[in-house]
Every structure is written in structure tokens, then in C-alpha cells.
Amino acid sequence: MNLIPLRQFVADVTRAVSAKSDEPELLATVRQHLATLVARDDWLPEELAQPHPQFYRQYLLHADALERFSVVSFVWGPGQQTPVHDHTVWGLIGMLRGEEIAQPYGHDGAGRLVPQGEAVRLRPGDVEAVSPSIGDVHQVRNAFADRTSISIHVYGGNIGAVHRWVYADDGSRKPFVSGYSNDWVPNLWDRSKEGV
């Protein structure tokens, strides 16, 4: 298991969030680091890449001690999708394996939730942003009905503990807290197995 790229990404994002940049500058900086991370596919532990036959998985890879950001792997089984949901914090999604499709949503004049604009198809190496300031409500699905897809997400908070919303077509919303699919995280700082 080669955790060096993930460790470097966490260190880079820690420096970026510590710099107290405004959100556009922070997103631009973290986007570059995430693009570097997902440009290679030799670092994600297999235990954190396992699909579930019914539900997409959100595995915690790292949570900042001050909860300024978190990093997760999203593992999509064939045909799986999220409900329409928001994040309430900034986030970046980097595609590692397979492909996913994200459809932005917004409210129409009658308050109903409707698709807004074209769906975005992410392929390996692509990075997409979400935030309350640039668009935060979407639905995401695996682009494939016959294979697993995996994306790496970084959020401006401990996303598994953030109070968020899922939305119905009529615009009504229901609160949720996503939690995580794993009950452990890799020890990024254990260097005893490097080069093994």
C-alpha cells in the first residue's frame, strides 16, 4: 500500500486551509492538489475501494484534527446514485476510477426542485467543485451499470458529521448526517512499511 500520495495531499491541503485564503483561491489551490492525487491510481487501500451491492459507500480517508477539511473515497457500485442533496460546505470531487455523472439542481419559480443546466460527466483525472456560493445541490450517479466507479472528495469540514439536506421534487427537504462507511482510517503517518 503506497500512502505517500495521500499523505502528501493531506499535508498540502492542511497548508492551504491554514493560509486563510478566500474560498475561490482555496478551491483553486486544493483543485490542483486533488488533480495531482487522482492523476495516479496506486495509492487507495483496497479496503477503502470496496463497493456494497445496494448502497454507495463513503469511506473516510482523513479528517483534519480541527475539522477544517476531510477526505473520503466514494465507491459506487453499478448503477448506484445519491438522492438530490447539498453539502453546506465547499467541496471538490476528483475522479479516480470509472466515471460518474453529477446533475446540478435548483428551485424553479414555484419552489420545485428541477435540474439546472447540463449534467457533468467526470472521467479519471477530472475535478469538479461544489459550494453554497457556486452551486451546492446535486444528484450524483455511477455512469456505468456494469462496473464500480470511485471518486475522491475533499470537503471544507468533517463531512460525515455535517448536518445537511436531501431534497424531494417538490422542493421540500429532510435533514441528514451521512456518517462514514468505515470504522477505521489508514494511519497515514506510519512509515514502517514504505518501500516494502
N, C-alpha and C. Protein backbone atom coordinates (compact mmCIF):
# COMPACT_ATOMS: atom_id res chain seq x y z
N MET A 1 0.85 -1.18 0.00
CA MET A 1 0.00 0.00 0.00
C MET A 1 0.89 1.24 0.00
N ASN A 2 0.70 2.11 -0.97
CA ASN A 2 1.52 3.30 -1.12
C ASN A 2 0.72 4.52 -0.70
N LEU A 3 0.80 4.90 0.57
CA LEU A 3 0.04 6.04 1.07
C LEU A 3 0.76 7.37 0.88
N ILE A 4 1.93 7.35 0.29
CA ILE A 4 2.69 8.59 0.13
C ILE A 4 1.90 9.66 -0.63
N PRO A 5 1.24 9.35 -1.76
CA PRO A 5 0.47 10.41 -2.45
C PRO A 5 -0.66 10.99 -1.59
N LEU A 6 -1.36 10.13 -0.85
CA LEU A 6 -2.43 10.62 0.02
C LEU A 6 -1.86 11.46 1.15
N ARG A 7 -0.76 11.02 1.74
CA ARG A 7 -0.12 11.79 2.81
C ARG A 7 0.30 13.16 2.31
N GLN A 8 0.87 13.21 1.10
CA GLN A 8 1.29 14.49 0.54
C GLN A 8 0.08 15.39 0.30
N PHE A 9 -1.02 14.81 -0.21
CA PHE A 9 -2.24 15.57 -0.44
C PHE A 9 -2.76 16.17 0.87
N VAL A 10 -2.82 15.38 1.91
CA VAL A 10 -3.30 15.86 3.21
C VAL A 10 -2.41 17.00 3.71
N ALA A 11 -1.09 16.85 3.58
CA ALA A 11 -0.18 17.91 4.01
C ALA A 11 -0.40 19.18 3.19
N ASP A 12 -0.59 19.03 1.87
CA ASP A 12 -0.82 20.19 1.01
C ASP A 12 -2.12 20.91 1.35
N VAL A 13 -3.19 20.14 1.60
CA VAL A 13 -4.47 20.75 1.93
C VAL A 13 -4.41 21.39 3.31
N THR A 14 -3.70 20.78 4.24
CA THR A 14 -3.53 21.39 5.57
C THR A 14 -2.87 22.75 5.45
N ARG A 15 -1.83 22.85 4.63
CA ARG A 15 -1.18 24.14 4.41
C ARG A 15 -2.14 25.13 3.76
N ALA A 16 -2.93 24.65 2.80
CA ALA A 16 -3.86 25.54 2.08
C ALA A 16 -4.93 26.09 3.01
N VAL A 17 -5.55 25.24 3.83
CA VAL A 17 -6.60 25.75 4.73
C VAL A 17 -6.02 26.59 5.85
N SER A 18 -4.76 26.38 6.20
CA SER A 18 -4.11 27.19 7.23
C SER A 18 -3.77 28.58 6.73
N ALA A 19 -3.70 28.76 5.41
CA ALA A 19 -3.31 30.05 4.82
C ALA A 19 -4.43 31.08 4.89
N LYS A 20 -5.64 30.68 5.27
CA LYS A 20 -6.78 31.59 5.43
C LYS A 20 -7.11 32.33 4.13
N SER A 21 -7.04 31.64 3.01
CA SER A 21 -7.39 32.23 1.72
C SER A 21 -8.90 32.41 1.61
N ASP A 22 -9.33 33.25 0.68
CA ASP A 22 -10.77 33.31 0.40
C ASP A 22 -11.15 32.04 -0.36
N GLU A 23 -12.45 31.75 -0.43
CA GLU A 23 -12.88 30.47 -0.99
C GLU A 23 -12.43 30.25 -2.43
N PRO A 24 -12.57 31.22 -3.34
CA PRO A 24 -12.11 30.95 -4.72
C PRO A 24 -10.63 30.58 -4.80
N GLU A 25 -9.80 31.27 -4.03
CA GLU A 25 -8.37 30.96 -4.04
C GLU A 25 -8.11 29.59 -3.42
N LEU A 26 -8.80 29.28 -2.32
CA LEU A 26 -8.64 27.98 -1.68
C LEU A 26 -9.07 26.86 -2.61
N LEU A 27 -10.22 27.02 -3.27
CA LEU A 27 -10.69 25.98 -4.20
C LEU A 27 -9.70 25.78 -5.34
N ALA A 28 -9.15 26.86 -5.86
CA ALA A 28 -8.18 26.74 -6.96
C ALA A 28 -6.94 25.98 -6.51
N THR A 29 -6.46 26.28 -5.32
CA THR A 29 -5.26 25.61 -4.80
C THR A 29 -5.52 24.13 -4.54
N VAL A 30 -6.62 23.84 -3.83
CA VAL A 30 -6.92 22.45 -3.49
C VAL A 30 -7.25 21.66 -4.75
N ARG A 31 -7.89 22.30 -5.74
CA ARG A 31 -8.18 21.64 -7.02
C ARG A 31 -6.89 21.12 -7.66
N GLN A 32 -5.85 21.92 -7.66
CA GLN A 32 -4.57 21.50 -8.24
C GLN A 32 -4.01 20.28 -7.51
N HIS A 33 -4.07 20.32 -6.18
CA HIS A 33 -3.55 19.20 -5.39
C HIS A 33 -4.38 17.93 -5.62
N LEU A 34 -5.71 18.09 -5.71
CA LEU A 34 -6.56 16.92 -5.94
C LEU A 34 -6.33 16.35 -7.34
N ALA A 35 -6.13 17.22 -8.31
CA ALA A 35 -5.84 16.75 -9.68
C ALA A 35 -4.55 15.92 -9.68
N THR A 36 -3.56 16.35 -8.92
CA THR A 36 -2.31 15.58 -8.82
C THR A 36 -2.57 14.22 -8.16
N LEU A 37 -3.38 14.21 -7.11
CA LEU A 37 -3.67 12.95 -6.40
C LEU A 37 -4.38 11.95 -7.31
N VAL A 38 -5.42 12.38 -8.03
CA VAL A 38 -6.19 11.44 -8.84
C VAL A 38 -5.57 11.17 -10.20
N ALA A 39 -4.44 11.80 -10.49
CA ALA A 39 -3.75 11.52 -11.75
C ALA A 39 -3.07 10.15 -11.71
N ARG A 40 -2.94 9.57 -10.52
CA ARG A 40 -2.36 8.24 -10.40
C ARG A 40 -3.30 7.38 -9.57
N ASP A 41 -3.27 6.09 -9.82
CA ASP A 41 -4.20 5.17 -9.15
C ASP A 41 -3.44 3.99 -8.56
N ASP A 42 -2.54 4.31 -7.63
CA ASP A 42 -1.76 3.24 -7.00
C ASP A 42 -1.68 3.42 -5.49
N TRP A 43 -2.56 4.22 -4.92
CA TRP A 43 -2.41 4.58 -3.52
C TRP A 43 -3.63 4.26 -2.64
N LEU A 44 -4.80 4.06 -3.22
CA LEU A 44 -6.01 3.85 -2.42
C LEU A 44 -6.04 2.42 -1.88
N PRO A 45 -6.07 2.24 -0.54
CA PRO A 45 -6.12 0.89 0.02
C PRO A 45 -7.36 0.14 -0.47
N GLU A 46 -7.20 -1.13 -0.79
CA GLU A 46 -8.31 -1.94 -1.32
C GLU A 46 -9.52 -1.96 -0.39
N GLU A 47 -9.27 -1.93 0.93
CA GLU A 47 -10.38 -1.96 1.88
C GLU A 47 -11.27 -0.73 1.74
N LEU A 48 -10.71 0.35 1.20
CA LEU A 48 -11.43 1.61 1.07
C LEU A 48 -11.89 1.84 -0.37
N ALA A 49 -11.92 0.75 -1.13
CA ALA A 49 -12.37 0.79 -2.53
C ALA A 49 -13.42 -0.28 -2.80
N GLN A 50 -14.01 -0.82 -1.74
CA GLN A 50 -14.95 -1.92 -1.89
C GLN A 50 -16.39 -1.42 -2.03
N PRO A 51 -17.09 -1.83 -3.08
CA PRO A 51 -18.49 -1.43 -3.23
C PRO A 51 -19.39 -2.28 -2.34
N HIS A 52 -20.58 -1.79 -2.14
CA HIS A 52 -21.65 -2.53 -1.46
C HIS A 52 -22.67 -2.90 -2.53
N PRO A 53 -23.31 -4.05 -2.46
CA PRO A 53 -24.24 -4.44 -3.52
C PRO A 53 -25.46 -3.53 -3.64
N GLN A 54 -25.83 -2.81 -2.57
CA GLN A 54 -27.03 -1.97 -2.63
C GLN A 54 -26.76 -0.48 -2.54
N PHE A 55 -25.74 -0.08 -1.77
CA PHE A 55 -25.57 1.33 -1.43
C PHE A 55 -24.17 1.81 -1.82
N TYR A 56 -24.09 3.08 -2.25
CA TYR A 56 -22.76 3.66 -2.45
C TYR A 56 -22.10 3.78 -1.08
N ARG A 57 -20.76 3.79 -1.07
CA ARG A 57 -20.00 3.85 0.18
C ARG A 57 -19.23 5.16 0.24
N GLN A 58 -19.12 5.72 1.44
CA GLN A 58 -18.32 6.91 1.70
C GLN A 58 -17.32 6.54 2.79
N TYR A 59 -16.08 6.26 2.37
CA TYR A 59 -15.04 5.85 3.30
C TYR A 59 -14.18 7.05 3.70
N LEU A 60 -14.02 7.24 5.00
CA LEU A 60 -13.16 8.32 5.48
C LEU A 60 -11.70 7.94 5.27
N LEU A 61 -10.95 8.82 4.61
CA LEU A 61 -9.52 8.63 4.44
C LEU A 61 -8.73 9.48 5.43
N HIS A 62 -9.25 10.70 5.70
CA HIS A 62 -8.58 11.59 6.66
C HIS A 62 -9.56 12.65 7.11
N ALA A 63 -9.53 12.96 8.41
CA ALA A 63 -10.27 14.09 8.96
C ALA A 63 -9.27 14.98 9.69
N ASP A 64 -9.22 16.23 9.29
CA ASP A 64 -8.36 17.21 9.93
C ASP A 64 -8.72 17.30 11.42
N ALA A 65 -7.73 17.39 12.27
CA ALA A 65 -7.96 17.42 13.72
C ALA A 65 -8.85 18.59 14.13
N LEU A 66 -8.81 19.69 13.39
CA LEU A 66 -9.65 20.85 13.70
C LEU A 66 -10.92 20.87 12.86
N GLU A 67 -11.18 19.78 12.13
CA GLU A 67 -12.36 19.61 11.28
C GLU A 67 -12.49 20.71 10.22
N ARG A 68 -11.33 21.21 9.76
CA ARG A 68 -11.34 22.20 8.68
C ARG A 68 -11.56 21.55 7.33
N PHE A 69 -11.23 20.25 7.22
CA PHE A 69 -11.47 19.52 5.98
C PHE A 69 -11.46 18.02 6.27
N SER A 70 -12.00 17.28 5.32
CA SER A 70 -11.97 15.81 5.37
C SER A 70 -11.78 15.29 3.96
N VAL A 71 -11.26 14.08 3.86
CA VAL A 71 -11.01 13.43 2.57
C VAL A 71 -11.70 12.07 2.62
N VAL A 72 -12.48 11.77 1.58
CA VAL A 72 -13.20 10.50 1.53
C VAL A 72 -13.06 9.87 0.15
N SER A 73 -13.21 8.55 0.12
CA SER A 73 -13.37 7.87 -1.17
C SER A 73 -14.85 7.51 -1.30
N PHE A 74 -15.43 7.87 -2.42
CA PHE A 74 -16.81 7.49 -2.74
C PHE A 74 -16.73 6.31 -3.68
N VAL A 75 -17.33 5.20 -3.28
CA VAL A 75 -17.28 3.98 -4.08
C VAL A 75 -18.70 3.67 -4.55
N TRP A 76 -18.87 3.66 -5.85
CA TRP A 76 -20.17 3.48 -6.49
C TRP A 76 -20.25 2.09 -7.10
N GLY A 77 -21.18 1.27 -6.62
CA GLY A 77 -21.46 0.02 -7.30
C GLY A 77 -22.19 0.30 -8.60
N PRO A 78 -22.33 -0.68 -9.46
CA PRO A 78 -23.01 -0.47 -10.73
C PRO A 78 -24.40 0.15 -10.56
N GLY A 79 -24.64 1.25 -11.26
CA GLY A 79 -25.95 1.89 -11.28
C GLY A 79 -26.35 2.64 -10.03
N GLN A 80 -25.49 2.73 -9.03
CA GLN A 80 -25.87 3.39 -7.78
C GLN A 80 -25.88 4.91 -7.93
N GLN A 81 -26.74 5.56 -7.13
CA GLN A 81 -26.82 7.02 -7.17
C GLN A 81 -27.23 7.57 -5.81
N THR A 82 -26.96 8.85 -5.62
CA THR A 82 -27.36 9.55 -4.40
C THR A 82 -28.77 10.10 -4.58
N PRO A 83 -29.42 10.47 -3.49
CA PRO A 83 -30.59 11.33 -3.63
C PRO A 83 -30.09 12.74 -3.99
N VAL A 84 -30.99 13.62 -4.34
CA VAL A 84 -30.62 15.03 -4.51
C VAL A 84 -30.27 15.56 -3.12
N HIS A 85 -29.10 16.18 -3.00
CA HIS A 85 -28.60 16.58 -1.68
C HIS A 85 -27.71 17.81 -1.80
N ASP A 86 -27.42 18.41 -0.63
CA ASP A 86 -26.46 19.51 -0.59
C ASP A 86 -25.30 19.12 0.32
N HIS A 87 -24.37 20.08 0.51
CA HIS A 87 -23.17 19.82 1.30
C HIS A 87 -23.01 20.84 2.43
N THR A 88 -23.42 22.07 2.20
CA THR A 88 -23.35 23.22 3.12
C THR A 88 -21.92 23.70 3.37
N VAL A 89 -20.94 23.05 2.78
CA VAL A 89 -19.54 23.45 2.85
C VAL A 89 -18.94 23.31 1.45
N TRP A 90 -17.77 23.92 1.23
CA TRP A 90 -17.12 23.75 -0.07
C TRP A 90 -16.66 22.30 -0.22
N GLY A 91 -16.54 21.87 -1.47
CA GLY A 91 -16.06 20.52 -1.73
C GLY A 91 -15.48 20.41 -3.12
N LEU A 92 -14.58 19.47 -3.29
CA LEU A 92 -14.01 19.15 -4.60
C LEU A 92 -14.08 17.64 -4.80
N ILE A 93 -14.44 17.24 -6.01
CA ILE A 93 -14.59 15.83 -6.35
C ILE A 93 -13.59 15.52 -7.46
N GLY A 94 -12.72 14.54 -7.22
CA GLY A 94 -11.75 14.13 -8.23
C GLY A 94 -12.02 12.68 -8.62
N MET A 95 -12.12 12.44 -9.92
CA MET A 95 -12.45 11.08 -10.39
C MET A 95 -11.19 10.24 -10.45
N LEU A 96 -11.25 9.07 -9.78
CA LEU A 96 -10.09 8.18 -9.74
C LEU A 96 -10.25 7.00 -10.69
N ARG A 97 -11.40 6.29 -10.61
CA ARG A 97 -11.66 5.11 -11.45
C ARG A 97 -13.09 5.19 -11.97
N GLY A 98 -13.28 4.71 -13.19
CA GLY A 98 -14.61 4.70 -13.77
C GLY A 98 -15.07 6.12 -14.09
N GLU A 99 -16.38 6.36 -14.03
CA GLU A 99 -16.93 7.68 -14.34
C GLU A 99 -18.19 7.88 -13.51
N GLU A 100 -18.49 9.15 -13.22
CA GLU A 100 -19.74 9.48 -12.56
C GLU A 100 -20.38 10.68 -13.22
N ILE A 101 -21.67 10.81 -13.02
CA ILE A 101 -22.44 11.91 -13.61
C ILE A 101 -23.09 12.69 -12.49
N ALA A 102 -22.89 14.00 -12.49
CA ALA A 102 -23.46 14.88 -11.48
C ALA A 102 -24.44 15.84 -12.16
N GLN A 103 -25.67 15.85 -11.69
CA GLN A 103 -26.69 16.74 -12.21
C GLN A 103 -26.98 17.84 -11.19
N PRO A 104 -26.63 19.10 -11.50
CA PRO A 104 -26.98 20.20 -10.59
C PRO A 104 -28.49 20.43 -10.54
N TYR A 105 -28.98 20.87 -9.39
CA TYR A 105 -30.39 21.18 -9.19
C TYR A 105 -30.56 22.57 -8.61
N GLY A 106 -31.73 23.16 -8.86
CA GLY A 106 -32.10 24.43 -8.27
C GLY A 106 -33.61 24.52 -8.20
N HIS A 107 -34.10 25.57 -7.57
CA HIS A 107 -35.54 25.76 -7.43
C HIS A 107 -36.08 26.59 -8.59
N ASP A 108 -37.24 26.19 -9.09
CA ASP A 108 -37.91 27.00 -10.11
C ASP A 108 -38.79 28.05 -9.42
N GLY A 109 -39.52 28.81 -10.21
CA GLY A 109 -40.34 29.89 -9.68
C GLY A 109 -41.40 29.43 -8.71
N ALA A 110 -41.82 28.18 -8.82
CA ALA A 110 -42.86 27.64 -7.93
C ALA A 110 -42.25 26.94 -6.70
N GLY A 111 -40.92 26.97 -6.58
CA GLY A 111 -40.28 26.36 -5.43
C GLY A 111 -39.97 24.88 -5.60
N ARG A 112 -40.28 24.31 -6.78
CA ARG A 112 -39.96 22.90 -7.02
C ARG A 112 -38.46 22.77 -7.35
N LEU A 113 -37.93 21.61 -7.06
CA LEU A 113 -36.54 21.34 -7.37
C LEU A 113 -36.45 20.76 -8.77
N VAL A 114 -35.65 21.39 -9.64
CA VAL A 114 -35.54 20.96 -11.03
C VAL A 114 -34.07 20.94 -11.44
N PRO A 115 -33.72 20.09 -12.44
CA PRO A 115 -32.35 20.11 -12.94
C PRO A 115 -31.98 21.50 -13.46
N GLN A 116 -30.75 21.90 -13.21
CA GLN A 116 -30.25 23.20 -13.66
C GLN A 116 -29.04 22.96 -14.56
N GLY A 117 -29.19 23.27 -15.82
CA GLY A 117 -28.07 23.10 -16.74
C GLY A 117 -27.80 21.65 -17.08
N GLU A 118 -26.69 21.47 -17.76
CA GLU A 118 -26.28 20.15 -18.22
C GLU A 118 -25.65 19.34 -17.09
N ALA A 119 -25.84 18.04 -17.12
CA ALA A 119 -25.14 17.14 -16.21
C ALA A 119 -23.65 17.16 -16.54
N VAL A 120 -22.84 16.97 -15.52
CA VAL A 120 -21.38 16.96 -15.67
C VAL A 120 -20.91 15.52 -15.58
N ARG A 121 -20.19 15.06 -16.59
CA ARG A 121 -19.64 13.70 -16.57
C ARG A 121 -18.16 13.78 -16.21
N LEU A 122 -17.81 13.14 -15.10
CA LEU A 122 -16.42 13.14 -14.64
C LEU A 122 -15.74 11.85 -15.08
N ARG A 123 -14.57 12.01 -15.67
CA ARG A 123 -13.73 10.88 -16.08
C ARG A 123 -12.44 10.91 -15.28
N PRO A 124 -11.68 9.82 -15.25
CA PRO A 124 -10.47 9.80 -14.43
C PRO A 124 -9.59 11.03 -14.66
N GLY A 125 -9.22 11.67 -13.55
CA GLY A 125 -8.39 12.88 -13.59
C GLY A 125 -9.19 14.17 -13.53
N ASP A 126 -10.49 14.12 -13.82
CA ASP A 126 -11.32 15.33 -13.78
C ASP A 126 -11.59 15.73 -12.33
N VAL A 127 -11.74 17.05 -12.11
CA VAL A 127 -12.06 17.59 -10.79
C VAL A 127 -13.20 18.60 -10.95
N GLU A 128 -14.19 18.50 -10.06
CA GLU A 128 -15.36 19.37 -10.07
C GLU A 128 -15.56 19.95 -8.66
N ALA A 129 -16.10 21.18 -8.58
CA ALA A 129 -16.29 21.85 -7.29
C ALA A 129 -17.77 22.01 -6.96
N VAL A 130 -18.07 22.03 -5.66
CA VAL A 130 -19.40 22.38 -5.14
C VAL A 130 -19.19 23.33 -3.97
N SER A 131 -20.19 24.17 -3.73
CA SER A 131 -20.14 25.10 -2.60
C SER A 131 -21.45 25.86 -2.58
N PRO A 132 -21.88 26.29 -1.40
CA PRO A 132 -23.08 27.13 -1.36
C PRO A 132 -22.93 28.39 -2.21
N SER A 133 -21.70 28.85 -2.43
CA SER A 133 -21.51 30.08 -3.21
C SER A 133 -21.48 29.86 -4.72
N ILE A 134 -21.25 28.61 -5.17
CA ILE A 134 -21.16 28.37 -6.62
C ILE A 134 -22.16 27.32 -7.12
N GLY A 135 -22.89 26.70 -6.22
CA GLY A 135 -23.83 25.64 -6.58
C GLY A 135 -23.58 24.44 -5.70
N ASP A 136 -24.58 24.09 -4.89
CA ASP A 136 -24.34 23.12 -3.84
C ASP A 136 -25.32 21.95 -3.84
N VAL A 137 -26.35 22.00 -4.69
CA VAL A 137 -27.37 20.95 -4.68
C VAL A 137 -27.22 20.13 -5.96
N HIS A 138 -27.04 18.82 -5.81
CA HIS A 138 -26.92 17.96 -6.99
C HIS A 138 -27.30 16.53 -6.66
N GLN A 139 -27.37 15.73 -7.72
CA GLN A 139 -27.54 14.29 -7.60
C GLN A 139 -26.40 13.67 -8.40
N VAL A 140 -25.80 12.63 -7.84
CA VAL A 140 -24.64 12.00 -8.47
C VAL A 140 -24.92 10.52 -8.66
N ARG A 141 -24.43 9.98 -9.78
CA ARG A 141 -24.61 8.55 -10.03
C ARG A 141 -23.40 7.98 -10.76
N ASN A 142 -23.24 6.68 -10.57
CA ASN A 142 -22.24 5.94 -11.32
C ASN A 142 -22.66 5.98 -12.80
N ALA A 143 -21.75 6.32 -13.67
CA ALA A 143 -22.08 6.38 -15.10
C ALA A 143 -22.24 5.00 -15.72
N PHE A 144 -21.84 3.97 -14.98
CA PHE A 144 -21.87 2.62 -15.53
C PHE A 144 -22.84 1.71 -14.78
N ALA A 145 -23.49 0.86 -15.53
CA ALA A 145 -24.41 -0.11 -14.95
C ALA A 145 -23.75 -1.47 -14.73
N ASP A 146 -22.47 -1.58 -15.10
CA ASP A 146 -21.83 -2.89 -15.04
C ASP A 146 -20.48 -2.89 -14.33
N ARG A 147 -20.10 -1.78 -13.71
CA ARG A 147 -18.81 -1.76 -13.01
C ARG A 147 -18.77 -0.68 -11.94
N THR A 148 -17.78 -0.79 -11.08
CA THR A 148 -17.58 0.14 -9.98
C THR A 148 -16.88 1.40 -10.46
N SER A 149 -17.24 2.52 -9.87
CA SER A 149 -16.54 3.79 -10.08
C SER A 149 -16.15 4.35 -8.72
N ILE A 150 -15.01 5.06 -8.68
CA ILE A 150 -14.51 5.61 -7.42
C ILE A 150 -14.06 7.04 -7.63
N SER A 151 -14.54 7.93 -6.76
CA SER A 151 -14.09 9.32 -6.77
C SER A 151 -13.55 9.68 -5.39
N ILE A 152 -12.65 10.65 -5.36
CA ILE A 152 -12.05 11.12 -4.13
C ILE A 152 -12.58 12.53 -3.88
N HIS A 153 -13.13 12.75 -2.68
CA HIS A 153 -13.75 14.02 -2.34
C HIS A 153 -12.98 14.65 -1.18
N VAL A 154 -12.84 15.97 -1.24
CA VAL A 154 -12.31 16.73 -0.10
C VAL A 154 -13.33 17.82 0.19
N TYR A 155 -13.69 17.96 1.45
CA TYR A 155 -14.73 18.91 1.87
C TYR A 155 -14.19 19.85 2.93
N GLY A 156 -14.77 21.04 3.00
CA GLY A 156 -14.39 22.05 3.98
C GLY A 156 -15.03 21.83 5.32
N GLY A 157 -14.90 20.65 5.87
CA GLY A 157 -15.44 20.28 7.17
C GLY A 157 -15.37 18.77 7.31
N ASN A 158 -15.76 18.26 8.45
CA ASN A 158 -15.83 16.82 8.68
C ASN A 158 -17.15 16.34 8.09
N ILE A 159 -17.16 16.03 6.79
CA ILE A 159 -18.41 15.84 6.05
C ILE A 159 -19.30 14.77 6.65
N GLY A 160 -18.75 13.76 7.27
CA GLY A 160 -19.56 12.71 7.88
C GLY A 160 -20.34 13.18 9.08
N ALA A 161 -20.00 14.35 9.63
CA ALA A 161 -20.68 14.90 10.80
C ALA A 161 -21.46 16.18 10.49
N VAL A 162 -21.40 16.64 9.24
CA VAL A 162 -22.08 17.90 8.86
C VAL A 162 -23.58 17.66 8.70
N HIS A 163 -24.38 18.54 9.27
CA HIS A 163 -25.84 18.47 9.11
C HIS A 163 -26.18 19.05 7.74
N ARG A 164 -26.81 18.19 6.90
CA ARG A 164 -27.10 18.56 5.53
C ARG A 164 -28.55 18.23 5.21
N TRP A 165 -28.89 18.34 3.91
CA TRP A 165 -30.28 18.14 3.48
C TRP A 165 -30.36 17.26 2.25
N VAL A 166 -31.38 16.41 2.21
CA VAL A 166 -31.78 15.74 0.97
C VAL A 166 -33.10 16.38 0.56
N TYR A 167 -33.33 16.44 -0.77
CA TYR A 167 -34.45 17.19 -1.32
C TYR A 167 -35.40 16.30 -2.10
N ALA A 168 -36.69 16.60 -1.98
CA ALA A 168 -37.72 15.95 -2.78
C ALA A 168 -38.04 16.84 -3.98
N ASP A 169 -38.73 16.28 -4.99
CA ASP A 169 -39.05 17.03 -6.20
C ASP A 169 -39.85 18.30 -5.92
N ASP A 170 -40.67 18.27 -4.87
CA ASP A 170 -41.49 19.45 -4.57
C ASP A 170 -40.71 20.56 -3.88
N GLY A 171 -39.41 20.34 -3.66
CA GLY A 171 -38.57 21.35 -3.03
C GLY A 171 -38.44 21.19 -1.53
N SER A 172 -39.25 20.32 -0.95
CA SER A 172 -39.14 20.09 0.49
C SER A 172 -37.81 19.39 0.78
N ARG A 173 -37.35 19.49 2.00
CA ARG A 173 -36.07 18.89 2.34
C ARG A 173 -36.15 18.19 3.69
N LYS A 174 -35.23 17.24 3.86
CA LYS A 174 -35.18 16.44 5.08
C LYS A 174 -33.73 16.44 5.56
N PRO A 175 -33.49 16.65 6.86
CA PRO A 175 -32.11 16.69 7.35
C PRO A 175 -31.47 15.30 7.37
N PHE A 176 -30.16 15.28 7.18
CA PHE A 176 -29.40 14.03 7.34
C PHE A 176 -27.96 14.33 7.71
N VAL A 177 -27.32 13.36 8.30
CA VAL A 177 -25.88 13.37 8.58
C VAL A 177 -25.36 12.08 7.99
N SER A 178 -24.41 12.16 7.07
CA SER A 178 -24.03 10.98 6.29
C SER A 178 -23.24 9.93 7.06
N GLY A 179 -22.41 10.34 8.00
CA GLY A 179 -21.52 9.38 8.63
C GLY A 179 -20.52 8.82 7.62
N TYR A 180 -19.88 7.72 7.99
CA TYR A 180 -18.89 7.08 7.13
C TYR A 180 -19.15 5.58 7.07
N SER A 181 -18.69 4.96 5.99
CA SER A 181 -18.89 3.52 5.81
C SER A 181 -17.86 2.69 6.56
N ASN A 182 -16.72 3.27 6.88
CA ASN A 182 -15.68 2.53 7.60
C ASN A 182 -15.65 2.96 9.06
N ASP A 183 -15.13 2.09 9.91
CA ASP A 183 -14.97 2.46 11.31
C ASP A 183 -13.49 2.60 11.68
N TRP A 184 -12.64 2.71 10.68
CA TRP A 184 -11.23 2.95 10.90
C TRP A 184 -10.69 3.75 9.72
N VAL A 185 -9.55 4.36 9.91
CA VAL A 185 -8.89 5.10 8.83
C VAL A 185 -7.46 4.63 8.73
N PRO A 186 -6.87 4.73 7.53
CA PRO A 186 -5.46 4.32 7.43
C PRO A 186 -4.57 5.26 8.23
N ASN A 187 -3.53 4.72 8.81
CA ASN A 187 -2.56 5.55 9.52
C ASN A 187 -1.60 6.14 8.49
N LEU A 188 -1.90 7.35 8.06
CA LEU A 188 -1.09 7.99 7.02
C LEU A 188 0.34 8.24 7.45
N TRP A 189 0.55 8.29 8.75
CA TRP A 189 1.85 8.73 9.24
C TRP A 189 2.75 7.57 9.64
N ASP A 190 2.30 6.32 9.48
CA ASP A 190 3.12 5.15 9.75
C ASP A 190 4.01 4.90 8.53
N ARG A 191 5.30 5.13 8.70
CA ARG A 191 6.25 4.97 7.59
C ARG A 191 6.98 3.62 7.64
N SER A 192 6.56 2.73 8.51
CA SER A 192 7.29 1.47 8.70
C SER A 192 7.21 0.55 7.50
N LYS A 193 6.21 0.71 6.65
CA LYS A 193 6.05 -0.21 5.51
C LYS A 193 6.39 0.44 4.17
N GLU A 194 6.91 1.66 4.20
CA GLU A 194 7.27 2.32 2.95
C GLU A 194 8.39 1.56 2.27
N GLY A 195 8.24 1.42 0.97
CA GLY A 195 9.25 0.74 0.18
C GLY A 195 9.19 -0.77 0.28
N VAL A 196 8.21 -1.29 1.01
CA VAL A 196 8.10 -2.76 1.17
C VAL A 196 7.36 -3.32 -0.01
